[in-house]
């Protein structure tokens, strides 16, 4: 997966938006103003940060060499995935889906209704 495919996939999620709130090099994807994914625009290969259930985050780090504790993020809740081709795009997409769903699951009921979740 390259950065264009990653961006397209994230923006294909219902209610997803993109912004650069941390400076021009960090591309952030949010749903209902909550981050579910971020990456470097200039150095995509340095990793994609995705939210993850803490127990599952540790399992993924143990199973896949390309999955690391979240860089510059809460390492309990975030993983950094190196998009180096060592896992299939379908698996990376599943991890993006999981991050997105995790964020949606934590939204207040009124926000979910507003966004149609």
PDB file of N, CA and C in Angstrom:
ATOM      1  N   UNK A   1       0.861  -1.181   0.000  1.00  0.00           N
ATOM      2  CA  UNK A   1       0.000   0.000   0.000  1.00  0.00           C
ATOM      3  C   UNK A   1       0.901   1.236   0.000  1.00  0.00           C
ATOM      4  N   UNK A   2       0.583   2.169  -0.871  1.00  0.00           N
ATOM      5  CA  UNK A   2       1.321   3.430  -0.880  1.00  0.00           C
ATOM      6  C   UNK A   2       0.449   4.516  -0.238  1.00  0.00           C
ATOM      7  N   UNK A   3       0.991   5.715  -0.124  1.00  0.00           N
ATOM      8  CA  UNK A   3       0.278   6.771   0.588  1.00  0.00           C
ATOM      9  C   UNK A   3      -1.022   7.169  -0.107  1.00  0.00           C
ATOM     10  N   UNK A   4      -1.053   7.127  -1.435  1.00  0.00           N
ATOM     11  CA  UNK A   4      -2.278   7.474  -2.148  1.00  0.00           C
ATOM     12  C   UNK A   4      -3.380   6.453  -1.875  1.00  0.00           C
ATOM     13  N   UNK A   5      -3.018   5.168  -1.888  1.00  0.00           N
ATOM     14  CA  UNK A   5      -3.982   4.109  -1.590  1.00  0.00           C
ATOM     15  C   UNK A   5      -4.453   4.194  -0.137  1.00  0.00           C
ATOM     16  N   UNK A   6      -3.517   4.475   0.773  1.00  0.00           N
ATOM     17  CA  UNK A   6      -3.852   4.634   2.187  1.00  0.00           C
ATOM     18  C   UNK A   6      -4.833   5.790   2.370  1.00  0.00           C
ATOM     19  N   UNK A   7      -4.524   6.927   1.762  1.00  0.00           N
ATOM     20  CA  UNK A   7      -5.378   8.106   1.869  1.00  0.00           C
ATOM     21  C   UNK A   7      -6.769   7.825   1.316  1.00  0.00           C
ATOM     22  N   UNK A   8      -6.833   7.231   0.151  1.00  0.00           N
ATOM     23  CA  UNK A   8      -8.106   6.906  -0.490  1.00  0.00           C
ATOM     24  C   UNK A   8      -8.937   5.951   0.385  1.00  0.00           C
ATOM     25  N   UNK A   9      -8.267   4.960   0.955  1.00  0.00           N
ATOM     26  CA  UNK A   9      -8.975   3.988   1.792  1.00  0.00           C
ATOM     27  C   UNK A   9      -9.550   4.665   3.047  1.00  0.00           C
ATOM     28  N   UNK A  10      -8.740   5.490   3.703  1.00  0.00           N
ATOM     29  CA  UNK A  10      -9.203   6.177   4.912  1.00  0.00           C
ATOM     30  C   UNK A  10     -10.358   7.125   4.608  1.00  0.00           C
ATOM     31  N   UNK A  11     -10.248   7.868   3.522  1.00  0.00           N
ATOM     32  CA  UNK A  11     -11.307   8.816   3.170  1.00  0.00           C
ATOM     33  C   UNK A  11     -12.578   8.121   2.683  1.00  0.00           C
ATOM     34  N   UNK A  12     -12.489   6.857   2.361  1.00  0.00           N
ATOM     35  CA  UNK A  12     -13.664   6.089   1.960  1.00  0.00           C
ATOM     36  C   UNK A  12     -14.555   5.702   3.130  1.00  0.00           C
ATOM     37  N   UNK A  13     -14.083   5.934   4.332  1.00  0.00           N
ATOM     38  CA  UNK A  13     -14.865   5.629   5.527  1.00  0.00           C
ATOM     39  C   UNK A  13     -15.925   6.707   5.748  1.00  0.00           C
ATOM     40  N   UNK A  14     -17.109   6.306   6.175  1.00  0.00           N
ATOM     41  CA  UNK A  14     -18.202   7.256   6.429  1.00  0.00           C
ATOM     42  C   UNK A  14     -17.777   8.300   7.454  1.00  0.00           C
ATOM     43  N   UNK A  15     -17.938   9.565   7.098  1.00  0.00           N
ATOM     44  CA  UNK A  15     -17.640  10.663   8.011  1.00  0.00           C
ATOM     45  C   UNK A  15     -16.169  10.989   8.172  1.00  0.00           C
ATOM     46  N   UNK A  16     -15.283  10.307   7.429  1.00  0.00           N
ATOM     47  CA  UNK A  16     -13.843  10.525   7.572  1.00  0.00           C
ATOM     48  C   UNK A  16     -13.429  11.856   6.955  1.00  0.00           C
ATOM     49  N   UNK A  17     -12.523  12.541   7.643  1.00  0.00           N
ATOM     50  CA  UNK A  17     -11.944  13.785   7.144  1.00  0.00           C
ATOM     51  C   UNK A  17     -10.429  13.692   7.276  1.00  0.00           C
ATOM     52  N   UNK A  18      -9.740  14.532   6.519  1.00  0.00           N
ATOM     53  CA  UNK A  18      -8.286  14.599   6.626  1.00  0.00           C
ATOM     54  C   UNK A  18      -7.882  16.028   6.945  1.00  0.00           C
ATOM     55  N   UNK A  19      -6.770  16.153   7.670  1.00  0.00           N
ATOM     56  CA  UNK A  19      -6.244  17.466   8.006  1.00  0.00           C
ATOM     57  C   UNK A  19      -4.763  17.321   8.348  1.00  0.00           C
ATOM     58  N   UNK A  20      -4.126  18.447   8.579  1.00  0.00           N
ATOM     59  CA  UNK A  20      -2.720  18.460   8.976  1.00  0.00           C
ATOM     60  C   UNK A  20      -2.557  19.326  10.225  1.00  0.00           C
ATOM     61  N   UNK A  21      -3.188  18.956  11.347  1.00  0.00           N
ATOM     62  CA  UNK A  21      -3.151  19.795  12.548  1.00  0.00           C
ATOM     63  C   UNK A  21      -1.798  19.840  13.250  1.00  0.00           C
ATOM     64  N   UNK A  22      -0.905  18.912  12.928  1.00  0.00           N
ATOM     65  CA  UNK A  22       0.400  18.857  13.591  1.00  0.00           C
ATOM     66  C   UNK A  22       1.514  19.395  12.697  1.00  0.00           C
ATOM     67  N   UNK A  23       1.149  20.089  11.645  1.00  0.00           N
ATOM     68  CA  UNK A  23       2.128  20.605  10.697  1.00  0.00           C
ATOM     69  C   UNK A  23       1.907  19.993   9.334  1.00  0.00           C
ATOM     70  N   UNK A  24       2.537  20.565   8.333  1.00  0.00           N
ATOM     71  CA  UNK A  24       2.301  20.183   6.951  1.00  0.00           C
ATOM     72  C   UNK A  24       2.728  18.780   6.564  1.00  0.00           C
ATOM     73  N   UNK A  25       3.508  18.091   7.411  1.00  0.00           N
ATOM     74  CA  UNK A  25       3.987  16.762   7.036  1.00  0.00           C
ATOM     75  C   UNK A  25       3.174  15.626   7.632  1.00  0.00           C
ATOM     76  N   UNK A  26       2.325  15.899   8.611  1.00  0.00           N
ATOM     77  CA  UNK A  26       1.573  14.818   9.259  1.00  0.00           C
ATOM     78  C   UNK A  26       0.128  14.836   8.799  1.00  0.00           C
ATOM     79  N   UNK A  27      -0.246  13.804   8.068  1.00  0.00           N
ATOM     80  CA  UNK A  27      -1.596  13.661   7.536  1.00  0.00           C
ATOM     81  C   UNK A  27      -2.430  12.882   8.549  1.00  0.00           C
ATOM     82  N   UNK A  28      -3.517  13.519   9.003  1.00  0.00           N
ATOM     83  CA  UNK A  28      -4.354  12.960  10.064  1.00  0.00           C
ATOM     84  C   UNK A  28      -5.750  12.679   9.527  1.00  0.00           C
ATOM     85  N   UNK A  29      -6.271  11.494   9.853  1.00  0.00           N
ATOM     86  CA  UNK A  29      -7.626  11.114   9.469  1.00  0.00           C
ATOM     87  C   UNK A  29      -8.468  11.005  10.730  1.00  0.00           C
ATOM     88  N   UNK A  30      -9.633  11.659  10.685  1.00  0.00           N
ATOM     89  CA  UNK A  30     -10.516  11.700  11.838  1.00  0.00           C
ATOM     90  C   UNK A  30     -11.922  11.294  11.429  1.00  0.00           C
ATOM     91  N   UNK A  31     -12.674  10.859  12.432  1.00  0.00           N
ATOM     92  CA  UNK A  31     -14.110  10.669  12.305  1.00  0.00           C
ATOM     93  C   UNK A  31     -14.714  11.340  13.532  1.00  0.00           C
ATOM     94  N   UNK A  32     -15.680  12.222  13.312  1.00  0.00           N
ATOM     95  CA  UNK A  32     -16.299  12.990  14.396  1.00  0.00           C
ATOM     96  C   UNK A  32     -15.233  13.691  15.232  1.00  0.00           C
ATOM     97  N   UNK A  33     -14.226  14.240  14.570  1.00  0.00           N
ATOM     98  CA  UNK A  33     -13.140  14.994  15.190  1.00  0.00           C
ATOM     99  C   UNK A  33     -12.239  14.160  16.102  1.00  0.00           C
ATOM    100  N   UNK A  34     -12.270  12.832  15.934  1.00  0.00           N
ATOM    101  CA  UNK A  34     -11.412  11.923  16.702  1.00  0.00           C
ATOM    102  C   UNK A  34     -10.491  11.196  15.729  1.00  0.00           C
ATOM    103  N   UNK A  35      -9.208  11.160  16.051  1.00  0.00           N
ATOM    104  CA  UNK A  35      -8.206  10.557  15.168  1.00  0.00           C
ATOM    105  C   UNK A  35      -8.334   9.037  15.142  1.00  0.00           C
ATOM    106  N   UNK A  36      -8.316   8.479  13.920  1.00  0.00           N
ATOM    107  CA  UNK A  36      -8.240   7.028  13.789  1.00  0.00           C
ATOM    108  C   UNK A  36      -7.000   6.576  13.019  1.00  0.00           C
ATOM    109  N   UNK A  37      -6.324   7.507  12.314  1.00  0.00           N
ATOM    110  CA  UNK A  37      -5.104   7.156  11.579  1.00  0.00           C
ATOM    111  C   UNK A  37      -4.286   8.411  11.310  1.00  0.00           C
ATOM    112  N   UNK A  38      -2.974   8.238  11.278  1.00  0.00           N
ATOM    113  CA  UNK A  38      -2.100   9.332  10.870  1.00  0.00           C
ATOM    114  C   UNK A  38      -0.795   8.782  10.330  1.00  0.00           C
ATOM    115  N   UNK A  39      -0.153   9.577   9.494  1.00  0.00           N
ATOM    116  CA  UNK A  39       1.099   9.172   8.871  1.00  0.00           C
ATOM    117  C   UNK A  39       1.871  10.411   8.417  1.00  0.00           C
ATOM    118  N   UNK A  40       3.113  10.211   8.068  1.00  0.00           N
ATOM    119  CA  UNK A  40       3.940  11.271   7.508  1.00  0.00           C
ATOM    120  C   UNK A  40       3.703  11.346   6.004  1.00  0.00           C
ATOM    121  N   UNK A  41       3.507  12.550   5.505  1.00  0.00           N
ATOM    122  CA  UNK A  41       3.325  12.729   4.063  1.00  0.00           C
ATOM    123  C   UNK A  41       4.652  12.531   3.340  1.00  0.00           C
ATOM    124  N   UNK A  42       5.709  13.098   3.896  1.00  0.00           N
ATOM    125  CA  UNK A  42       7.008  13.042   3.243  1.00  0.00           C
ATOM    126  C   UNK A  42       7.754  11.733   3.420  1.00  0.00           C
ATOM    127  N   UNK A  43       7.406  10.987   4.458  1.00  0.00           N
ATOM    128  CA  UNK A  43       8.107   9.736   4.751  1.00  0.00           C
ATOM    129  C   UNK A  43       7.097   8.669   5.161  1.00  0.00           C
ATOM    130  N   UNK A  44       6.218   8.317   4.232  1.00  0.00           N
ATOM    131  CA  UNK A  44       5.157   7.341   4.497  1.00  0.00           C
ATOM    132  C   UNK A  44       5.721   6.030   5.037  1.00  0.00           C
ATOM    133  N   UNK A  45       6.898   5.636   4.567  1.00  0.00           N
ATOM    134  CA  UNK A  45       7.504   4.375   4.978  1.00  0.00           C
ATOM    135  C   UNK A  45       7.884   4.362   6.456  1.00  0.00           C
ATOM    136  N   UNK A  46       7.908   5.539   7.107  1.00  0.00           N
ATOM    137  CA  UNK A  46       8.245   5.584   8.538  1.00  0.00           C
ATOM    138  C   UNK A  46       7.107   5.060   9.394  1.00  0.00           C
ATOM    139  N   UNK A  47       5.913   4.936   8.819  1.00  0.00           N
ATOM    140  CA  UNK A  47       4.849   4.271   9.545  1.00  0.00           C
ATOM    141  C   UNK A  47       3.500   4.943   9.504  1.00  0.00           C
ATOM    142  N   UNK A  48       2.497   4.125   9.798  1.00  0.00           N
ATOM    143  CA  UNK A  48       1.102   4.538   9.917  1.00  0.00           C
ATOM    144  C   UNK A  48       0.707   4.288  11.360  1.00  0.00           C
ATOM    145  N   UNK A  49       0.185   5.286  12.039  1.00  0.00           N
ATOM    146  CA  UNK A  49      -0.299   5.096  13.406  1.00  0.00           C
ATOM    147  C   UNK A  49      -1.786   4.775  13.365  1.00  0.00           C
ATOM    148  N   UNK A  50      -2.150   3.673  14.036  1.00  0.00           N
ATOM    149  CA  UNK A  50      -3.540   3.240  14.107  1.00  0.00           C
ATOM    150  C   UNK A  50      -3.896   2.900  15.548  1.00  0.00           C
ATOM    151  N   UNK A  51      -5.102   3.260  15.932  1.00  0.00           N
ATOM    152  CA  UNK A  51      -5.610   2.944  17.268  1.00  0.00           C
ATOM    153  C   UNK A  51      -5.905   1.446  17.338  1.00  0.00           C
ATOM    154  N   UNK A  52      -5.739   0.872  18.545  1.00  0.00           N
ATOM    155  CA  UNK A  52      -5.925  -0.567  18.693  1.00  0.00           C
ATOM    156  C   UNK A  52      -6.321  -0.884  20.133  1.00  0.00           C
ATOM    157  N   UNK A  53      -7.110  -1.909  20.324  1.00  0.00           N
ATOM    158  CA  UNK A  53      -7.429  -2.400  21.655  1.00  0.00           C
ATOM    159  C   UNK A  53      -6.110  -2.841  22.296  1.00  0.00           C
ATOM    160  N   UNK A  54      -5.825  -2.410  23.527  1.00  0.00           N
ATOM    161  CA  UNK A  54      -4.508  -2.681  24.129  1.00  0.00           C
ATOM    162  C   UNK A  54      -4.038  -4.132  24.062  1.00  0.00           C
ATOM    163  N   UNK A  55      -4.890  -5.085  24.378  1.00  0.00           N
ATOM    164  CA  UNK A  55      -4.477  -6.485  24.360  1.00  0.00           C
ATOM    165  C   UNK A  55      -4.131  -6.947  22.947  1.00  0.00           C
ATOM    166  N   UNK A  56      -4.911  -6.489  21.999  1.00  0.00           N
ATOM    167  CA  UNK A  56      -4.674  -6.860  20.598  1.00  0.00           C
ATOM    168  C   UNK A  56      -3.419  -6.164  20.067  1.00  0.00           C
ATOM    169  N   UNK A  57      -3.161  -4.952  20.525  1.00  0.00           N
ATOM    170  CA  UNK A  57      -1.972  -4.204  20.090  1.00  0.00           C
ATOM    171  C   UNK A  57      -0.710  -4.996  20.412  1.00  0.00           C
ATOM    172  N   UNK A  58      -0.647  -5.538  21.612  1.00  0.00           N
ATOM    173  CA  UNK A  58       0.516  -6.327  22.025  1.00  0.00           C
ATOM    174  C   UNK A  58       0.631  -7.599  21.190  1.00  0.00           C
ATOM    175  N   UNK A  59      -0.489  -8.266  20.942  1.00  0.00           N
ATOM    176  CA  UNK A  59      -0.477  -9.481  20.118  1.00  0.00           C
ATOM    177  C   UNK A  59       0.071  -9.206  18.722  1.00  0.00           C
ATOM    178  N   UNK A  60      -0.377  -8.084  18.125  1.00  0.00           N
ATOM    179  CA  UNK A  60       0.090  -7.744  16.777  1.00  0.00           C
ATOM    180  C   UNK A  60       1.587  -7.449  16.773  1.00  0.00           C
ATOM    181  N   UNK A  61       2.072  -6.763  17.806  1.00  0.00           N
ATOM    182  CA  UNK A  61       3.508  -6.460  17.898  1.00  0.00           C
ATOM    183  C   UNK A  61       4.333  -7.729  18.021  1.00  0.00           C
ATOM    184  N   UNK A  62       3.801  -8.712  18.735  1.00  0.00           N
ATOM    185  CA  UNK A  62       4.525  -9.981  18.907  1.00  0.00           C
ATOM    186  C   UNK A  62       4.504 -10.813  17.636  1.00  0.00           C
ATOM    187  N   UNK A  63       3.436 -10.718  16.871  1.00  0.00           N
ATOM    188  CA  UNK A  63       3.269 -11.556  15.682  1.00  0.00           C
ATOM    189  C   UNK A  63       3.923 -10.977  14.425  1.00  0.00           C
ATOM    190  N   UNK A  64       3.910  -9.646  14.285  1.00  0.00           N
ATOM    191  CA  UNK A  64       4.391  -9.005  13.056  1.00  0.00           C
ATOM    192  C   UNK A  64       5.539  -8.040  13.355  1.00  0.00           C
ATOM    193  N   UNK A  65       6.658  -8.250  12.680  1.00  0.00           N
ATOM    194  CA  UNK A  65       7.821  -7.378  12.876  1.00  0.00           C
ATOM    195  C   UNK A  65       7.556  -5.940  12.427  1.00  0.00           C
ATOM    196  N   UNK A  66       6.594  -5.757  11.531  1.00  0.00           N
ATOM    197  CA  UNK A  66       6.298  -4.423  11.009  1.00  0.00           C
ATOM    198  C   UNK A  66       5.367  -3.624  11.928  1.00  0.00           C
ATOM    199  N   UNK A  67       4.927  -4.225  13.033  1.00  0.00           N
ATOM    200  CA  UNK A  67       4.036  -3.546  13.974  1.00  0.00           C
ATOM    201  C   UNK A  67       4.824  -3.203  15.229  1.00  0.00           C
ATOM    202  N   UNK A  68       4.865  -1.905  15.529  1.00  0.00           N
ATOM    203  CA  UNK A  68       5.643  -1.377  16.644  1.00  0.00           C
ATOM    204  C   UNK A  68       4.738  -0.576  17.578  1.00  0.00           C
ATOM    205  N   UNK A  69       5.184  -0.316  18.802  1.00  0.00           N
ATOM    206  CA  UNK A  69       4.412   0.588  19.667  1.00  0.00           C
ATOM    207  C   UNK A  69       4.252   1.944  18.980  1.00  0.00           C
ATOM    208  N   UNK A  70       3.129   2.587  19.186  1.00  0.00           N
ATOM    209  CA  UNK A  70       2.823   3.848  18.513  1.00  0.00           C
ATOM    210  C   UNK A  70       3.875   4.923  18.719  1.00  0.00           C
ATOM    211  N   UNK A  71       4.450   5.378  17.633  1.00  0.00           N
ATOM    212  CA  UNK A  71       5.471   6.420  17.673  1.00  0.00           C
ATOM    213  C   UNK A  71       4.824   7.760  17.989  1.00  0.00           C
ATOM    214  N   UNK A  72       5.289   8.416  19.039  1.00  0.00           N
ATOM    215  CA  UNK A  72       4.744   9.703  19.505  1.00  0.00           C
ATOM    216  C   UNK A  72       3.276   9.606  19.912  1.00  0.00           C
ATOM    217  N   UNK A  73       2.835   8.403  20.276  1.00  0.00           N
ATOM    218  CA  UNK A  73       1.437   8.189  20.668  1.00  0.00           C
ATOM    219  C   UNK A  73       1.428   7.384  21.970  1.00  0.00           C
ATOM    220  N   UNK A  74       0.256   7.251  22.566  1.00  0.00           N
ATOM    221  CA  UNK A  74       0.099   6.405  23.740  1.00  0.00           C
ATOM    222  C   UNK A  74       0.330   4.960  23.291  1.00  0.00           C
ATOM    223  N   UNK A  75       1.416   4.381  23.747  1.00  0.00           N
ATOM    224  CA  UNK A  75       1.819   3.063  23.262  1.00  0.00           C
ATOM    225  C   UNK A  75       0.879   1.943  23.712  1.00  0.00           C
ATOM    226  N   UNK A  76       0.028   2.217  24.672  1.00  0.00           N
ATOM    227  CA  UNK A  76      -0.950   1.227  25.105  1.00  0.00           C
ATOM    228  C   UNK A  76      -2.083   1.104  24.087  1.00  0.00           C
ATOM    229  N   UNK A  77      -2.439   2.223  23.438  1.00  0.00           N
ATOM    230  CA  UNK A  77      -3.612   2.271  22.565  1.00  0.00           C
ATOM    231  C   UNK A  77      -3.295   2.450  21.079  1.00  0.00           C
ATOM    232  N   UNK A  78      -2.023   2.645  20.738  1.00  0.00           N
ATOM    233  CA  UNK A  78      -1.668   2.923  19.350  1.00  0.00           C
ATOM    234  C   UNK A  78      -0.515   2.036  18.899  1.00  0.00           C
ATOM    235  N   UNK A  79      -0.583   1.603  17.651  1.00  0.00           N
ATOM    236  CA  UNK A  79       0.508   0.892  16.993  1.00  0.00           C
ATOM    237  C   UNK A  79       0.980   1.706  15.811  1.00  0.00           C
ATOM    238  N   UNK A  80       2.255   1.576  15.508  1.00  0.00           N
ATOM    239  CA  UNK A  80       2.812   2.100  14.270  1.00  0.00           C
ATOM    240  C   UNK A  80       3.092   0.912  13.370  1.00  0.00           C
ATOM    241  N   UNK A  81       2.525   0.947  12.186  1.00  0.00           N
ATOM    242  CA  UNK A  81       2.715  -0.129  11.219  1.00  0.00           C
ATOM    243  C   UNK A  81       3.622   0.380  10.108  1.00  0.00           C
ATOM    244  N   UNK A  82       4.692  -0.333   9.859  1.00  0.00           N
ATOM    245  CA  UNK A  82       5.602   0.026   8.767  1.00  0.00           C
ATOM    246  C   UNK A  82       5.036  -0.560   7.485  1.00  0.00           C
ATOM    247  N   UNK A  83       4.634   0.292   6.533  1.00  0.00           N
ATOM    248  CA  UNK A  83       4.020  -0.201   5.292  1.00  0.00           C
ATOM    249  C   UNK A  83       5.079  -0.675   4.296  1.00  0.00           C
ATOM    250  N   UNK A  84       5.792  -1.730   4.686  1.00  0.00           N
ATOM    251  CA  UNK A  84       6.918  -2.205   3.887  1.00  0.00           C
ATOM    252  C   UNK A  84       6.589  -3.420   3.034  1.00  0.00           C
ATOM    253  N   UNK A  85       5.306  -3.752   2.943  1.00  0.00           N
ATOM    254  CA  UNK A  85       4.897  -4.875   2.117  1.00  0.00           C
ATOM    255  C   UNK A  85       4.993  -6.226   2.803  1.00  0.00           C
ATOM    256  N   UNK A  86       5.359  -6.243   4.078  1.00  0.00           N
ATOM    257  CA  UNK A  86       5.500  -7.527   4.772  1.00  0.00           C
ATOM    258  C   UNK A  86       4.159  -8.126   5.197  1.00  0.00           C
ATOM    259  N   UNK A  87       3.095  -7.319   5.168  1.00  0.00           N
ATOM    260  CA  UNK A  87       1.744  -7.859   5.393  1.00  0.00           C
ATOM    261  C   UNK A  87       0.894  -7.467   4.181  1.00  0.00           C
ATOM    262  N   UNK A  88      -0.064  -8.283   3.834  1.00  0.00           N
ATOM    263  CA  UNK A  88      -0.927  -7.972   2.682  1.00  0.00           C
ATOM    264  C   UNK A  88      -1.727  -6.687   2.922  1.00  0.00           C
ATOM    265  N   UNK A  89      -2.027  -5.986   1.840  1.00  0.00           N
ATOM    266  CA  UNK A  89      -2.836  -4.764   1.942  1.00  0.00           C
ATOM    267  C   UNK A  89      -4.173  -5.045   2.617  1.00  0.00           C
ATOM    268  N   UNK A  90      -4.748  -6.207   2.379  1.00  0.00           N
ATOM    269  CA  UNK A  90      -6.036  -6.542   2.985  1.00  0.00           C
ATOM    270  C   UNK A  90      -5.941  -6.568   4.511  1.00  0.00           C
ATOM    271  N   UNK A  91      -4.826  -7.027   5.046  1.00  0.00           N
ATOM    272  CA  UNK A  91      -4.638  -7.044   6.495  1.00  0.00           C
ATOM    273  C   UNK A  91      -4.451  -5.632   7.018  1.00  0.00           C
ATOM    274  N   UNK A  92      -3.686  -4.830   6.317  1.00  0.00           N
ATOM    275  CA  UNK A  92      -3.510  -3.430   6.704  1.00  0.00           C
ATOM    276  C   UNK A  92      -4.852  -2.704   6.660  1.00  0.00           C
ATOM    277  N   UNK A  93      -5.654  -2.973   5.658  1.00  0.00           N
ATOM    278  CA  UNK A  93      -6.987  -2.379   5.580  1.00  0.00           C
ATOM    279  C   UNK A  93      -7.854  -2.819   6.755  1.00  0.00           C
ATOM    280  N   UNK A  94      -7.729  -4.076   7.169  1.00  0.00           N
ATOM    281  CA  UNK A  94      -8.484  -4.562   8.326  1.00  0.00           C
ATOM    282  C   UNK A  94      -8.072  -3.800   9.584  1.00  0.00           C
ATOM    283  N   UNK A  95      -6.783  -3.526   9.731  1.00  0.00           N
ATOM    284  CA  UNK A  95      -6.311  -2.777  10.896  1.00  0.00           C
ATOM    285  C   UNK A  95      -6.816  -1.333  10.862  1.00  0.00           C
ATOM    286  N   UNK A  96      -6.904  -0.753   9.670  1.00  0.00           N
ATOM    287  CA  UNK A  96      -7.493   0.592   9.535  1.00  0.00           C
ATOM    288  C   UNK A  96      -8.966   0.533   9.931  1.00  0.00           C
ATOM    289  N   UNK A  97      -9.683  -0.476   9.436  1.00  0.00           N
ATOM    290  CA  UNK A  97     -11.099  -0.662   9.793  1.00  0.00           C
ATOM    291  C   UNK A  97     -11.266  -0.796  11.301  1.00  0.00           C
ATOM    292  N   UNK A  98     -10.391  -1.589  11.929  1.00  0.00           N
ATOM    293  CA  UNK A  98     -10.469  -1.794  13.379  1.00  0.00           C
ATOM    294  C   UNK A  98     -10.268  -0.485  14.125  1.00  0.00           C
ATOM    295  N   UNK A  99      -9.312   0.315  13.688  1.00  0.00           N
ATOM    296  CA  UNK A  99      -9.047   1.603  14.322  1.00  0.00           C
ATOM    297  C   UNK A  99     -10.249   2.527  14.192  1.00  0.00           C
ATOM    298  N   UNK A 100     -10.786   2.591  13.007  1.00  0.00           N
ATOM    299  CA  UNK A 100     -11.967   3.411  12.730  1.00  0.00           C
ATOM    300  C   UNK A 100     -13.151   2.974  13.599  1.00  0.00           C
ATOM    301  N   UNK A 101     -13.415   1.658  13.641  1.00  0.00           N
ATOM    302  CA  UNK A 101     -14.532   1.139  14.436  1.00  0.00           C
ATOM    303  C   UNK A 101     -14.319   1.374  15.930  1.00  0.00           C
ATOM    304  N   UNK A 102     -13.090   1.274  16.383  1.00  0.00           N
ATOM    305  CA  UNK A 102     -12.787   1.512  17.791  1.00  0.00           C
ATOM    306  C   UNK A 102     -13.110   2.955  18.166  1.00  0.00           C
ATOM    307  N   UNK A 103     -12.747   3.887  17.309  1.00  0.00           N
ATOM    308  CA  UNK A 103     -13.055   5.296  17.561  1.00  0.00           C
ATOM    309  C   UNK A 103     -14.566   5.508  17.571  1.00  0.00           C
ATOM    310  N   UNK A 104     -15.265   4.953  16.595  1.00  0.00           N
ATOM    311  CA  UNK A 104     -16.724   5.097  16.535  1.00  0.00           C
ATOM    312  C   UNK A 104     -17.386   4.509  17.784  1.00  0.00           C
ATOM    313  N   UNK A 105     -16.880   3.384  18.241  1.00  0.00           N
ATOM    314  CA  UNK A 105     -17.494   2.726  19.411  1.00  0.00           C
ATOM    315  C   UNK A 105     -17.398   3.571  20.674  1.00  0.00           C
ATOM    316  N   UNK A 106     -16.434   4.488  20.723  1.00  0.00           N
ATOM    317  CA  UNK A 106     -16.236   5.328  21.909  1.00  0.00           C
ATOM    318  C   UNK A 106     -16.971   6.663  21.820  1.00  0.00           C
ATOM    319  N   UNK A 107     -17.611   6.939  20.688  1.00  0.00           N
ATOM    320  CA  UNK A 107     -18.313   8.211  20.517  1.00  0.00           C
ATOM    321  C   UNK A 107     -19.590   8.238  21.363  1.00  0.00           C
ATOM    322  N   UNK A 108     -19.961   9.422  21.847  1.00  0.00           N
ATOM    323  CA  UNK A 108     -21.243   9.544  22.560  1.00  0.00           C
ATOM    324  C   UNK A 108     -22.405   9.197  21.629  1.00  0.00           C
ATOM    325  N   UNK A 109     -23.483   8.719  22.207  1.00  0.00           N
ATOM    326  CA  UNK A 109     -24.649   8.290  21.425  1.00  0.00           C
ATOM    327  C   UNK A 109     -25.166   9.407  20.519  1.00  0.00           C
ATOM    328  N   UNK A 110     -25.216  10.638  21.033  1.00  0.00           N
ATOM    329  CA  UNK A 110     -25.713  11.765  20.235  1.00  0.00           C
ATOM    330  C   UNK A 110     -24.835  12.000  19.006  1.00  0.00           C
ATOM    331  N   UNK A 111     -23.530  11.848  19.158  1.00  0.00           N
ATOM    332  CA  UNK A 111     -22.607  12.028  18.028  1.00  0.00           C
ATOM    333  C   UNK A 111     -22.806  10.916  17.016  1.00  0.00           C
ATOM    334  N   UNK A 112     -22.987   9.685  17.503  1.00  0.00           N
ATOM    335  CA  UNK A 112     -23.229   8.555  16.586  1.00  0.00           C
ATOM    336  C   UNK A 112     -24.495   8.800  15.771  1.00  0.00           C
ATOM    337  N   UNK A 113     -25.518   9.283  16.421  1.00  0.00           N
ATOM    338  CA  UNK A 113     -26.780   9.570  15.712  1.00  0.00           C
ATOM    339  C   UNK A 113     -26.585  10.672  14.693  1.00  0.00           C
ATOM    340  N   UNK A 114     -25.846  11.704  15.065  1.00  0.00           N
ATOM    341  CA  UNK A 114     -25.580  12.830  14.163  1.00  0.00           C
ATOM    342  C   UNK A 114     -24.884  12.370  12.894  1.00  0.00           C
ATOM    343  N   UNK A 115     -23.928  11.441  13.050  1.00  0.00           N
ATOM    344  CA  UNK A 115     -23.162  10.938  11.908  1.00  0.00           C
ATOM    345  C   UNK A 115     -23.797   9.710  11.261  1.00  0.00           C
ATOM    346  N   UNK A 116     -24.871   9.196  11.854  1.00  0.00           N
ATOM    347  CA  UNK A 116     -25.565   8.052  11.289  1.00  0.00           C
ATOM    348  C   UNK A 116     -24.891   6.723  11.563  1.00  0.00           C
ATOM    349  N   UNK A 117     -24.190   6.631  12.680  1.00  0.00           N
ATOM    350  CA  UNK A 117     -23.530   5.365  13.037  1.00  0.00           C
ATOM    351  C   UNK A 117     -24.411   4.551  13.947  1.00  0.00           C
TER     352      UNK A 117
END
